[in-house]
Amino acid sequence: MPFNNLHSITNYKATSTEMIEEYRRQSALASSVDRADIDLMNFLDQILLDAE
């Protein structure tokens, strides 16, 4: 399923499996957005360097 498909939850009964799949889809979407943010990646790299 493409990440950009919107899902309406109004009057919709989702099964546990469907909810898990939706959580995974949303997590993958958020992760891909974060990885594409160069400033965020640089910030996280600096935090790791500071922690050493």
PDB file of N, CA and C in Angstrom:
ATOM      1  N   MET A   1       0.854  -1.186   0.000  1.00  0.00           N
ATOM      2  CA  MET A   1       0.000   0.000   0.000  1.00  0.00           C
ATOM      3  C   MET A   1       0.893   1.240   0.000  1.00  0.00           C
ATOM      4  N   PRO A   2       0.651   2.206  -0.844  1.00  0.00           N
ATOM      5  CA  PRO A   2       1.457   3.424  -0.872  1.00  0.00           C
ATOM      6  C   PRO A   2       1.339   4.186   0.443  1.00  0.00           C
ATOM      7  N   PHE A   3       2.422   4.846   0.834  1.00  0.00           N
ATOM      8  CA  PHE A   3       2.437   5.576   2.090  1.00  0.00           C
ATOM      9  C   PHE A   3       1.473   6.748   2.106  1.00  0.00           C
ATOM     10  N   ASN A   4       1.197   7.333   0.948  1.00  0.00           N
ATOM     11  CA  ASN A   4       0.405   8.555   0.937  1.00  0.00           C
ATOM     12  C   ASN A   4      -1.100   8.319   0.851  1.00  0.00           C
ATOM     13  N   ASN A   5      -1.561   7.080   0.949  1.00  0.00           N
ATOM     14  CA  ASN A   5      -3.004   6.821   0.975  1.00  0.00           C
ATOM     15  C   ASN A   5      -3.570   7.260   2.315  1.00  0.00           C
ATOM     16  N   LEU A   6      -4.647   8.034   2.274  1.00  0.00           N
ATOM     17  CA  LEU A   6      -5.297   8.456   3.508  1.00  0.00           C
ATOM     18  C   LEU A   6      -6.358   7.440   3.897  1.00  0.00           C
ATOM     19  N   HIS A   7      -6.494   7.218   5.175  1.00  0.00           N
ATOM     20  CA  HIS A   7      -7.477   6.261   5.668  1.00  0.00           C
ATOM     21  C   HIS A   7      -8.425   6.973   6.613  1.00  0.00           C
ATOM     22  N   SER A   8      -9.697   6.859   6.362  1.00  0.00           N
ATOM     23  CA  SER A   8     -10.694   7.424   7.260  1.00  0.00           C
ATOM     24  C   SER A   8     -11.046   6.395   8.320  1.00  0.00           C
ATOM     25  N   ILE A   9     -11.124   6.833   9.573  1.00  0.00           N
ATOM     26  CA  ILE A   9     -11.484   5.908  10.640  1.00  0.00           C
ATOM     27  C   ILE A   9     -12.912   6.140  11.130  1.00  0.00           C
ATOM     28  N   THR A  10     -13.618   7.062  10.527  1.00  0.00           N
ATOM     29  CA  THR A  10     -14.994   7.334  10.908  1.00  0.00           C
ATOM     30  C   THR A  10     -15.882   6.156  10.513  1.00  0.00           C
ATOM     31  N   ASN A  11     -16.647   5.654  11.465  1.00  0.00           N
ATOM     32  CA  ASN A  11     -17.564   4.534  11.232  1.00  0.00           C
ATOM     33  C   ASN A  11     -16.858   3.325  10.631  1.00  0.00           C
ATOM     34  N   TYR A  12     -15.647   3.053  11.105  1.00  0.00           N
ATOM     35  CA  TYR A  12     -14.867   1.949  10.566  1.00  0.00           C
ATOM     36  C   TYR A  12     -14.341   1.124  11.717  1.00  0.00           C
ATOM     37  N   LYS A  13     -14.607  -0.172  11.687  1.00  0.00           N
ATOM     38  CA  LYS A  13     -14.122  -1.062  12.730  1.00  0.00           C
ATOM     39  C   LYS A  13     -12.915  -1.818  12.185  1.00  0.00           C
ATOM     40  N   ALA A  14     -11.752  -1.508  12.713  1.00  0.00           N
ATOM     41  CA  ALA A  14     -10.520  -2.135  12.250  1.00  0.00           C
ATOM     42  C   ALA A  14     -10.207  -3.347  13.122  1.00  0.00           C
ATOM     43  N   THR A  15      -9.685  -4.367  12.492  1.00  0.00           N
ATOM     44  CA  THR A  15      -9.238  -5.537  13.240  1.00  0.00           C
ATOM     45  C   THR A  15      -7.865  -5.240  13.826  1.00  0.00           C
ATOM     46  N   SER A  16      -7.413  -6.072  14.750  1.00  0.00           N
ATOM     47  CA  SER A  16      -6.085  -5.902  15.336  1.00  0.00           C
ATOM     48  C   SER A  16      -5.011  -5.932  14.267  1.00  0.00           C
ATOM     49  N   THR A  17      -5.142  -6.829  13.324  1.00  0.00           N
ATOM     50  CA  THR A  17      -4.154  -6.945  12.253  1.00  0.00           C
ATOM     51  C   THR A  17      -4.131  -5.681  11.410  1.00  0.00           C
ATOM     52  N   GLU A  18      -5.293  -5.143  11.102  1.00  0.00           N
ATOM     53  CA  GLU A  18      -5.354  -3.902  10.315  1.00  0.00           C
ATOM     54  C   GLU A  18      -4.730  -2.738  11.075  1.00  0.00           C
ATOM     55  N   MET A  19      -4.970  -2.689  12.384  1.00  0.00           N
ATOM     56  CA  MET A  19      -4.386  -1.619  13.186  1.00  0.00           C
ATOM     57  C   MET A  19      -2.865  -1.741  13.209  1.00  0.00           C
ATOM     58  N   ILE A  20      -2.355  -2.945  13.375  1.00  0.00           N
ATOM     59  CA  ILE A  20      -0.904  -3.166  13.378  1.00  0.00           C
ATOM     60  C   ILE A  20      -0.318  -2.756  12.035  1.00  0.00           C
ATOM     61  N   GLU A  21      -0.964  -3.129  10.953  1.00  0.00           N
ATOM     62  CA  GLU A  21      -0.482  -2.746   9.621  1.00  0.00           C
ATOM     63  C   GLU A  21      -0.487  -1.237   9.447  1.00  0.00           C
ATOM     64  N   GLU A  22      -1.510  -0.563   9.961  1.00  0.00           N
ATOM     65  CA  GLU A  22      -1.579   0.891   9.865  1.00  0.00           C
ATOM     66  C   GLU A  22      -0.486   1.545  10.700  1.00  0.00           C
ATOM     67  N   TYR A  23      -0.242   1.024  11.901  1.00  0.00           N
ATOM     68  CA  TYR A  23       0.838   1.567  12.733  1.00  0.00           C
ATOM     69  C   TYR A  23       2.182   1.405  12.027  1.00  0.00           C
ATOM     70  N   ARG A  24       2.395   0.252  11.417  1.00  0.00           N
ATOM     71  CA  ARG A  24       3.645   0.028  10.676  1.00  0.00           C
ATOM     72  C   ARG A  24       3.765   0.978   9.494  1.00  0.00           C
ATOM     73  N   ARG A  25       2.671   1.204   8.786  1.00  0.00           N
ATOM     74  CA  ARG A  25       2.672   2.108   7.638  1.00  0.00           C
ATOM     75  C   ARG A  25       3.023   3.524   8.082  1.00  0.00           C
ATOM     76  N   GLN A  26       2.395   3.973   9.159  1.00  0.00           N
ATOM     77  CA  GLN A  26       2.657   5.315   9.652  1.00  0.00           C
ATOM     78  C   GLN A  26       4.077   5.453  10.180  1.00  0.00           C
ATOM     79  N   SER A  27       4.571   4.429  10.827  1.00  0.00           N
ATOM     80  CA  SER A  27       5.941   4.451  11.329  1.00  0.00           C
ATOM     81  C   SER A  27       6.941   4.532  10.179  1.00  0.00           C
ATOM     82  N   ALA A  28       6.715   3.757   9.125  1.00  0.00           N
ATOM     83  CA  ALA A  28       7.603   3.787   7.959  1.00  0.00           C
ATOM     84  C   ALA A  28       7.555   5.153   7.285  1.00  0.00           C
ATOM     85  N   LEU A  29       6.383   5.748   7.220  1.00  0.00           N
ATOM     86  CA  LEU A  29       6.245   7.075   6.623  1.00  0.00           C
ATOM     87  C   LEU A  29       7.016   8.111   7.434  1.00  0.00           C
ATOM     88  N   ALA A  30       6.837   8.109   8.745  1.00  0.00           N
ATOM     89  CA  ALA A  30       7.546   9.066   9.602  1.00  0.00           C
ATOM     90  C   ALA A  30       9.051   8.854   9.515  1.00  0.00           C
ATOM     91  N   SER A  31       9.470   7.617   9.482  1.00  0.00           N
ATOM     92  CA  SER A  31      10.894   7.310   9.383  1.00  0.00           C
ATOM     93  C   SER A  31      11.483   7.814   8.071  1.00  0.00           C
ATOM     94  N   SER A  32      10.766   7.630   6.975  1.00  0.00           N
ATOM     95  CA  SER A  32      11.286   8.080   5.682  1.00  0.00           C
ATOM     96  C   SER A  32      11.383   9.603   5.622  1.00  0.00           C
ATOM     97  N   VAL A  33      10.433  10.279   6.247  1.00  0.00           N
ATOM     98  CA  VAL A  33      10.478  11.742   6.302  1.00  0.00           C
ATOM     99  C   VAL A  33      11.665  12.193   7.142  1.00  0.00           C
ATOM    100  N   ASP A  34      11.881  11.548   8.287  1.00  0.00           N
ATOM    101  CA  ASP A  34      13.011  11.901   9.145  1.00  0.00           C
ATOM    102  C   ASP A  34      14.345  11.674   8.441  1.00  0.00           C
ATOM    103  N   ARG A  35      14.484  10.548   7.738  1.00  0.00           N
ATOM    104  CA  ARG A  35      15.743  10.243   7.035  1.00  0.00           C
ATOM    105  C   ARG A  35      16.018  11.246   5.916  1.00  0.00           C
ATOM    106  N   ALA A  36      14.983  11.820   5.349  1.00  0.00           N
ATOM    107  CA  ALA A  36      15.147  12.790   4.267  1.00  0.00           C
ATOM    108  C   ALA A  36      15.514  14.182   4.785  1.00  0.00           C
ATOM    109  N   ASP A  37      15.402  14.397   6.079  1.00  0.00           N
ATOM    110  CA  ASP A  37      15.693  15.705   6.683  1.00  0.00           C
ATOM    111  C   ASP A  37      17.183  15.771   7.039  1.00  0.00           C
ATOM    112  N   ILE A  38      17.971  16.391   6.182  1.00  0.00           N
ATOM    113  CA  ILE A  38      19.422  16.460   6.367  1.00  0.00           C
ATOM    114  C   ILE A  38      19.782  17.168   7.671  1.00  0.00           C
ATOM    115  N   ASP A  39      19.081  18.243   7.994  1.00  0.00           N
ATOM    116  CA  ASP A  39      19.374  18.961   9.235  1.00  0.00           C
ATOM    117  C   ASP A  39      19.142  18.078  10.458  1.00  0.00           C
ATOM    118  N   LEU A  40      18.088  17.292  10.434  1.00  0.00           N
ATOM    119  CA  LEU A  40      17.819  16.385  11.548  1.00  0.00           C
ATOM    120  C   LEU A  40      18.909  15.334  11.647  1.00  0.00           C
ATOM    121  N   MET A  41      19.329  14.772  10.511  1.00  0.00           N
ATOM    122  CA  MET A  41      20.384  13.760  10.525  1.00  0.00           C
ATOM    123  C   MET A  41      21.688  14.340  11.059  1.00  0.00           C
ATOM    124  N   ASN A  42      22.031  15.559  10.651  1.00  0.00           N
ATOM    125  CA  ASN A  42      23.234  16.210  11.168  1.00  0.00           C
ATOM    126  C   ASN A  42      23.130  16.454  12.667  1.00  0.00           C
ATOM    127  N   PHE A  43      21.964  16.879  13.115  1.00  0.00           N
ATOM    128  CA  PHE A  43      21.724  17.103  14.541  1.00  0.00           C
ATOM    129  C   PHE A  43      21.901  15.805  15.333  1.00  0.00           C
ATOM    130  N   LEU A  44      21.321  14.718  14.848  1.00  0.00           N
ATOM    131  CA  LEU A  44      21.443  13.432  15.542  1.00  0.00           C
ATOM    132  C   LEU A  44      22.885  12.933  15.529  1.00  0.00           C
ATOM    133  N   ASP A  45      23.583  13.127  14.424  1.00  0.00           N
ATOM    134  CA  ASP A  45      25.004  12.760  14.361  1.00  0.00           C
ATOM    135  C   ASP A  45      25.796  13.529  15.412  1.00  0.00           C
ATOM    136  N   GLN A  46      25.520  14.810  15.549  1.00  0.00           N
ATOM    137  CA  GLN A  46      26.250  15.620  16.528  1.00  0.00           C
ATOM    138  C   GLN A  46      25.958  15.155  17.962  1.00  0.00           C
ATOM    139  N   ILE A  47      24.722  14.782  18.234  1.00  0.00           N
ATOM    140  CA  ILE A  47      24.380  14.265  19.564  1.00  0.00           C
ATOM    141  C   ILE A  47      25.195  13.010  19.863  1.00  0.00           C
ATOM    142  N   LEU A  48      25.298  12.124  18.870  1.00  0.00           N
ATOM    143  CA  LEU A  48      26.074  10.897  19.080  1.00  0.00           C
ATOM    144  C   LEU A  48      27.548  11.202  19.302  1.00  0.00           C
ATOM    145  N   LEU A  49      28.082  12.157  18.574  1.00  0.00           N
ATOM    146  CA  LEU A  49      29.485  12.537  18.752  1.00  0.00           C
ATOM    147  C   LEU A  49      29.707  13.156  20.134  1.00  0.00           C
ATOM    148  N   ASP A  50      28.762  13.960  20.582  1.00  0.00           N
ATOM    149  CA  ASP A  50      28.875  14.586  21.906  1.00  0.00           C
ATOM    150  C   ASP A  50      28.780  13.571  23.034  1.00  0.00           C
ATOM    151  N   ALA A  51      28.085  12.464  22.799  1.00  0.00           N
ATOM    152  CA  ALA A  51      27.894  11.451  23.833  1.00  0.00           C
ATOM    153  C   ALA A  51      29.126  10.575  24.037  1.00  0.00           C
ATOM    154  N   GLU A  52      30.041  10.606  23.096  1.00  0.00           N
ATOM    155  CA  GLU A  52      31.238   9.750  23.217  1.00  0.00           C
ATOM    156  C   GLU A  52      32.208  10.242  24.222  1.00  0.00           C
TER     157      GLU A  52
END
